[in-house]
Protein backbone atom coordinates (compact mmCIF):
# COMPACT_ATOMS: atom_id res chain seq x y z
CA UNK A 1 -13.64 -17.86 -10.49
CA UNK A 2 -13.04 -14.23 -9.55
CA UNK A 3 -10.28 -13.46 -7.09
CA UNK A 4 -11.09 -11.46 -3.97
CA UNK A 5 -8.88 -8.50 -3.10
CA UNK A 6 -9.04 -6.56 0.15
CA UNK A 7 -7.34 -3.21 0.52
CA UNK A 8 -6.39 -1.85 3.93
CA UNK A 9 -6.21 1.91 3.53
CA UNK A 10 -7.23 5.23 4.97
CA UNK A 11 -10.74 6.36 3.93
CA UNK A 12 -10.93 6.15 0.14
CA UNK A 13 -12.93 9.36 0.04
CA UNK A 14 -9.91 11.30 1.35
CA UNK A 15 -7.43 10.33 -1.40
CA UNK A 16 -6.11 12.65 -4.13
CA UNK A 17 -7.91 11.35 -7.22
CA UNK A 18 -5.38 12.63 -9.77
CA UNK A 19 -2.32 10.98 -8.27
CA UNK A 20 -3.33 8.24 -5.85
CA UNK A 21 -1.39 5.02 -6.46
CA UNK A 22 -3.79 2.77 -4.55
CA UNK A 23 -6.66 3.84 -6.80
CA UNK A 24 -4.66 2.79 -9.86
CA UNK A 25 -4.06 -0.63 -8.31
CA UNK A 26 -7.79 -0.99 -7.63
CA UNK A 27 -8.69 0.00 -11.19
CA UNK A 28 -6.29 -2.64 -12.52
CA UNK A 29 -7.73 -5.33 -10.23
CA UNK A 30 -11.30 -4.46 -11.15
CA UNK A 31 -10.39 -4.56 -14.87
CA UNK A 32 -9.27 -8.15 -14.28
CA UNK A 33 -12.64 -9.06 -12.83
CA UNK A 34 -11.47 -9.23 -9.23
CA UNK A 35 -13.95 -8.51 -6.43
CA UNK A 36 -12.79 -5.58 -4.27
CA UNK A 37 -13.29 -5.00 -0.54
CA UNK A 38 -12.40 -1.84 1.38
CA UNK A 39 -11.04 -2.37 4.92
CA UNK A 40 -10.34 0.52 7.27
CA UNK A 41 -7.38 -0.06 9.59
CA UNK A 42 -9.71 -0.16 12.60
CA UNK A 43 -11.75 -2.84 10.85
CA UNK A 44 -9.12 -5.53 11.41
CA UNK A 45 -9.62 -7.79 14.44
CA UNK A 46 -8.89 -11.24 15.81
CA UNK A 47 -11.78 -13.41 16.95
CA UNK A 48 -10.09 -16.07 19.07
CA UNK A 49 -7.50 -17.35 16.62
CA UNK A 50 -9.34 -16.26 13.45
CA UNK A 51 -8.20 -13.05 11.69
CA UNK A 52 -11.28 -11.08 10.66
CA UNK A 53 -12.25 -7.76 9.14
CA UNK A 54 -15.19 -5.46 8.78
CA UNK A 55 -15.19 -4.92 5.01
CA UNK A 56 -17.28 -3.13 2.41
CA UNK A 57 -17.65 -4.25 -1.21
CA UNK A 58 -15.94 -1.63 -3.34
CA UNK A 59 -16.41 -0.44 -6.93
CA UNK A 60 -14.02 2.14 -8.39
CA UNK A 61 -14.59 4.54 -11.29
CA UNK A 62 -12.53 6.74 -13.60
CA UNK A 63 -14.42 9.82 -12.53
CA UNK A 64 -12.82 12.66 -10.50
CA UNK A 65 -16.23 13.62 -9.11
CA UNK A 66 -17.30 10.09 -8.16
CA UNK A 67 -14.43 7.59 -8.02
CA UNK A 68 -15.88 4.92 -5.74
CA UNK A 69 -18.98 3.24 -4.38
CA UNK A 70 -19.03 1.28 -1.14
CA UNK A 71 -21.51 -1.46 -0.33
CA UNK A 72 -22.91 -2.48 3.03
CA UNK A 73 -20.32 -3.38 5.65
CA UNK A 74 -20.08 -7.04 6.61
CA UNK A 75 -17.76 -9.21 8.68
CA UNK A 76 -15.56 -11.68 6.85
CA UNK A 77 -12.63 -13.94 7.57
CA UNK A 78 -9.43 -12.63 6.04
CA UNK A 79 -8.79 -16.17 4.82
CA UNK A 80 -11.67 -15.63 2.36
CA UNK A 81 -9.51 -13.07 0.52
CA UNK A 82 -6.95 -14.15 -2.05
CA UNK A 83 -4.83 -11.03 -1.64
CA UNK A 84 -4.69 -8.02 0.68
CA UNK A 85 -3.01 -4.79 -0.30
CA UNK A 86 -1.61 -3.16 2.83
CA UNK A 87 -1.75 0.49 1.77
CA UNK A 88 -2.18 2.26 5.10
CA UNK A 89 -0.17 5.47 5.01
CA UNK A 90 2.36 6.21 7.76
CA UNK A 91 2.85 7.06 10.58
CA UNK A 92 4.50 3.74 11.25
CA UNK A 93 3.33 3.46 14.83
CA UNK A 94 2.25 0.64 17.14
CA UNK A 95 -1.21 0.53 15.57
CA UNK A 96 0.43 -0.06 12.19
CA UNK A 97 2.49 -2.89 13.72
CA UNK A 98 -0.59 -4.42 15.34
CA UNK A 99 -2.29 -4.38 11.93
CA UNK A 100 0.62 -6.34 10.46
CA UNK A 101 0.29 -8.93 13.24
CA UNK A 102 -3.37 -9.44 12.35
CA UNK A 103 -2.65 -9.60 8.63
CA UNK A 104 0.19 -12.04 9.27
CA UNK A 105 -2.39 -14.47 10.68
CA UNK A 106 -4.12 -14.27 7.29
CA UNK A 107 -0.79 -14.95 5.58
CA UNK A 108 -0.48 -18.11 7.64
CA UNK A 109 -3.87 -19.21 6.28
CA UNK A 110 -2.85 -18.68 2.65
CA UNK A 111 -3.82 -15.08 1.93
CA UNK A 112 -1.15 -13.11 0.08
CA UNK A 113 -0.40 -9.79 1.77
CA UNK A 114 1.40 -7.17 -0.34
CA UNK A 115 3.90 -6.37 1.06
CA UNK A 116 4.80 -9.27 3.40
CA UNK A 117 3.99 -8.33 6.98
CA UNK A 118 7.29 -9.33 8.59
CA UNK A 119 9.18 -7.30 6.00
CA UNK A 120 6.97 -4.26 6.61
CA UNK A 121 8.00 -4.45 10.26
CA UNK A 122 11.66 -5.26 9.69
CA UNK A 123 12.53 -2.90 6.84
CA UNK A 124 12.63 0.62 8.23
CA UNK A 125 12.62 2.80 5.15
CA UNK A 126 15.82 4.63 6.05
CA UNK A 127 17.74 1.86 7.82
CA UNK A 128 16.89 -0.74 5.16
CA UNK A 129 18.86 1.26 2.60
CA UNK A 130 22.01 0.92 4.71
CA UNK A 131 22.07 -2.83 3.96
CA UNK A 132 23.31 -1.77 0.51
CA UNK A 133 26.27 0.30 1.62
CA UNK A 134 27.83 0.11 -1.85
CA UNK A 135 24.92 2.24 -3.08
CA UNK A 136 24.69 4.75 -0.22
CA UNK A 137 26.40 8.05 0.60
CA UNK A 138 28.47 8.37 3.79
CA UNK A 139 26.04 8.14 6.70
CA UNK A 140 25.72 7.66 10.43
CA UNK A 141 22.84 6.33 12.54
CA UNK A 142 23.10 7.33 16.19
CA UNK A 143 21.55 9.29 19.03
CA UNK A 144 24.94 10.34 20.43
CA UNK A 145 25.10 14.06 19.76
CA UNK A 146 28.90 14.22 20.04
CA UNK A 147 29.23 11.49 17.43
CA UNK A 148 26.73 13.24 15.17
CA UNK A 149 28.59 16.55 15.56
CA UNK A 150 31.82 14.78 14.61
CA UNK A 151 30.15 13.41 11.48
CA UNK A 152 29.13 16.95 10.56
CA UNK A 153 32.63 18.24 11.22
CA UNK A 154 34.06 15.58 8.93
CA UNK A 155 31.60 15.91 6.05
CA UNK A 156 30.75 19.61 6.60
CA UNK A 157 27.50 19.64 4.63
CA UNK A 158 25.07 17.14 6.15
CA UNK A 159 21.40 16.15 6.17
CA UNK A 160 19.95 15.16 9.56
CA UNK A 161 16.61 13.33 9.59
CA UNK A 162 14.42 11.19 11.86
CA UNK A 163 14.12 7.48 11.13
CA UNK A 164 10.32 7.59 11.09
CA UNK A 165 9.69 10.69 8.99
CA UNK A 166 7.77 10.88 5.71
CA UNK A 167 7.19 13.41 2.96
CA UNK A 168 10.36 15.33 3.79
CA UNK A 169 9.16 16.32 7.26
CA UNK A 170 11.71 17.27 9.96
CA UNK A 171 14.68 17.07 7.58
CA UNK A 172 17.45 19.55 8.35
CA UNK A 173 20.49 20.55 6.32
CA UNK A 174 23.51 21.69 8.31
CA UNK A 175 26.12 23.43 6.16
CA UNK A 176 29.75 24.17 7.10
CA UNK A 177 30.04 26.25 10.28
CA UNK A 178 26.28 26.14 10.75
CA UNK A 179 25.58 27.70 14.18
CA UNK A 180 22.38 25.67 14.57
CA UNK A 181 23.90 22.17 14.59
CA UNK A 182 23.47 21.74 18.34
CA UNK A 183 19.85 22.84 18.42
CA UNK A 184 19.05 20.67 15.37
CA UNK A 185 20.52 17.65 17.12
CA UNK A 186 18.85 18.44 20.43
CA UNK A 187 15.50 18.70 18.64
CA UNK A 188 15.78 15.59 16.47
CA UNK A 189 17.36 13.32 19.09
CA UNK A 190 15.21 14.67 21.93
CA UNK A 191 18.46 15.57 23.68
CA UNK A 192 20.07 12.22 23.01
CA UNK A 193 17.05 9.95 23.58
CA UNK A 194 16.03 9.23 19.98
CA UNK A 195 18.14 7.70 17.21
CA UNK A 196 18.38 9.61 13.92
CA UNK A 197 20.28 9.43 10.63
CA UNK A 198 22.96 11.75 9.29
CA UNK A 199 23.82 11.64 5.58
CA UNK A 200 26.36 13.57 3.59
CA UNK A 201 24.53 16.25 1.61
CA UNK A 202 24.27 15.37 -2.07
CA UNK A 203 24.42 18.43 -4.37
CA UNK A 204 22.77 16.33 -7.10
CA UNK A 205 19.47 16.98 -5.30
CA UNK A 206 19.09 20.01 -7.59
CA UNK A 207 18.54 17.48 -10.42
CA UNK A 208 15.84 15.72 -8.41
CA UNK A 209 15.22 13.07 -5.79
CA UNK A 210 14.38 10.12 -8.05
CA UNK A 211 11.60 7.69 -7.15
CA UNK A 212 12.31 4.33 -8.80
CA UNK A 213 9.48 1.81 -8.57
CA UNK A 214 10.37 -1.86 -8.11
CA UNK A 215 7.94 -4.63 -9.10
CA UNK A 216 8.90 -7.99 -7.57
CA UNK A 217 12.55 -6.97 -7.58
CA UNK A 218 12.62 -5.50 -11.09
CA UNK A 219 12.89 -1.78 -11.81
CA UNK A 220 10.27 0.07 -13.83
CA UNK A 221 12.38 1.64 -16.63
CA UNK A 222 11.07 5.17 -15.96
CA UNK A 223 11.23 7.10 -12.70
CA UNK A 224 9.93 10.35 -11.25
CA UNK A 225 12.57 12.94 -10.41
CA UNK A 226 11.18 15.22 -7.72
CA UNK A 227 12.97 18.53 -8.22
CA UNK A 228 13.10 20.86 -5.20
CA UNK A 229 12.04 24.45 -5.18
CA UNK A 230 14.85 26.99 -5.53
CA UNK A 231 16.71 27.23 -2.23
CA UNK A 232 15.08 24.06 -0.88
CA UNK A 233 17.04 20.90 -0.01
CA UNK A 234 14.05 18.53 -0.16
CA UNK A 235 12.63 17.21 -3.40
CA UNK A 236 9.53 15.59 -1.92
CA UNK A 237 6.33 16.56 -3.69
CA UNK A 238 4.78 17.10 -0.26
CA UNK A 239 7.49 19.70 0.37
CA UNK A 240 6.71 21.59 -2.84
CA UNK A 241 8.95 19.73 -5.29
CA UNK A 242 8.02 19.42 -8.97
CA UNK A 243 7.91 16.03 -10.68
CA UNK A 244 9.74 15.14 -13.92
CA UNK A 245 9.40 11.67 -15.46
CA UNK A 246 12.61 10.34 -16.99
CA UNK A 247 14.30 7.12 -18.02
CA UNK A 248 16.59 5.33 -15.59
CA UNK A 249 20.31 5.94 -15.93
CA UNK A 250 22.82 3.10 -15.98
CA UNK A 251 23.66 3.91 -12.36
CA UNK A 252 19.96 3.81 -11.42
CA UNK A 253 19.68 0.37 -13.04
CA UNK A 254 22.77 -0.82 -11.20
CA UNK A 255 21.36 0.30 -7.84
CA UNK A 256 18.09 -1.48 -8.63
CA UNK A 257 20.02 -4.66 -9.50
CA UNK A 258 21.79 -4.53 -6.13
CA UNK A 259 18.55 -4.21 -4.18
CA UNK A 260 16.20 -6.34 -6.29
CA UNK A 261 17.16 -9.87 -5.15
CA UNK A 262 16.69 -8.93 -1.49
CA UNK A 263 13.26 -7.47 -2.22
CA UNK A 264 12.17 -10.74 -3.84
CA UNK A 265 13.52 -12.80 -0.94
CA UNK A 266 11.57 -10.72 1.57
CA UNK A 267 8.24 -10.67 -0.24
CA UNK A 268 8.45 -6.97 -1.01
CA UNK A 269 6.50 -6.93 -4.25
CA UNK A 270 6.02 -3.17 -4.57
CA UNK A 271 8.75 -0.83 -3.38
CA UNK A 272 10.00 2.69 -4.10
CA UNK A 273 13.73 3.41 -4.14
CA UNK A 274 14.80 7.00 -3.51
CA UNK A 275 17.97 7.90 -5.39
CA UNK A 276 19.80 11.23 -5.43
CA UNK A 277 22.47 11.44 -8.11
CA UNK A 278 24.39 8.18 -7.85
CA UNK A 279 23.30 7.25 -4.34
CA UNK A 280 20.46 5.31 -2.72
CA UNK A 281 19.01 7.24 0.21
CA UNK A 282 15.80 5.38 1.21
CA UNK A 283 13.74 2.30 0.39
CA UNK A 284 9.99 2.86 0.75
CA UNK A 285 8.10 -0.34 1.57
CA UNK A 286 4.89 0.77 3.30
CA UNK A 287 2.83 2.54 0.63
CA UNK A 288 5.03 3.63 -2.31
CA UNK A 289 3.61 6.39 -4.49
CA UNK A 290 4.36 8.18 -7.80
CA UNK A 291 2.93 5.35 -9.93
CA UNK A 292 0.28 7.56 -11.53
CA UNK A 293 2.72 10.26 -12.57
CA UNK A 294 5.08 7.73 -14.17
CA UNK A 295 2.25 5.87 -15.92
CA UNK A 296 0.85 9.10 -17.38
CA UNK A 297 4.13 10.21 -18.97
CA UNK A 298 5.60 6.84 -19.92
CA UNK A 299 2.47 5.03 -21.12
CA UNK A 300 3.36 2.00 -18.98
CA UNK A 301 0.76 -0.09 -17.15
CA UNK A 302 2.67 -0.35 -13.88
CA UNK A 303 -0.38 -1.26 -11.80
CA UNK A 304 -1.20 -4.11 -14.13
CA UNK A 305 2.42 -5.24 -14.13
CA UNK A 306 2.34 -5.47 -10.34
CA UNK A 307 -0.86 -7.51 -10.23
CA UNK A 308 0.41 -9.85 -12.96
CA UNK A 309 3.63 -10.42 -11.00
CA UNK A 310 1.82 -11.79 -7.93
CA UNK A 311 1.94 -15.54 -7.35
CA UNK A 312 -1.86 -15.73 -7.52
CA UNK A 313 -2.31 -13.68 -10.71
CA UNK A 314 -2.30 -16.69 -13.05
CA UNK A 315 -5.31 -18.14 -11.22
CA UNK A 316 -7.49 -15.29 -12.47
CA UNK A 317 -6.86 -15.90 -16.16
């Protein structure tokens, strides 16, 4: 009997066909004979104690001009779905959290949500990395501007960033004797009212900010190094970086081995580690990307590997 997969995502018509990771996951599910359902974030609701959704049957195509068809919208119980992919892009705001509460009710009724809802809430993508201090550069998390200035004075070349940013937005580099440190801190901390992160600047960024994909705690053996533009300190593709697919180094594999067991324990089936040089900087749990780029260059079927790793995958064979 065919499995039923729901995907909670932003409108599928707005994705970037050539590089969208969610589309690759949907192709892989459809190839396995799974029935697909598209759920907009505002389509989730609770009817009494029953988690429900307004969903549309979905068919996906390998066609850049016409990559999907949606059927007529209908109301269904989330318990009718075998698996839900939570692929809503940030911002990670209260609406995102409310969505995880609703999906968690489906988890309680036996639906597998990828990734686990509690872990999506608990694992802030920047703070989560600090649980693996042996992998991280020197860092500080605070909203105390004097403490943050002292960190800069000690390490001299520092990256300041918000805890809820994405795509390299609002990231500042403060070099030695930078006259703008105070205004950077005032802006990011809202004059001491918002907690941020400071990290020692890593010169290895010129070699790329590596995205390492983790499938059920195991590293994909190839990664995407996002190389910044000349004079830029951010490698994010959204900030203009260029991607280069490469094999993992021994250090990359070691970092993955440190993080992997915790990912499995927390039901984080699909995760992206960000590594600069020898250091882990972030752990992306909400909607990791870069799968398509790595698949294209490496020849790996990462989407299929993810689906086959799920506890329910054997039921479809």
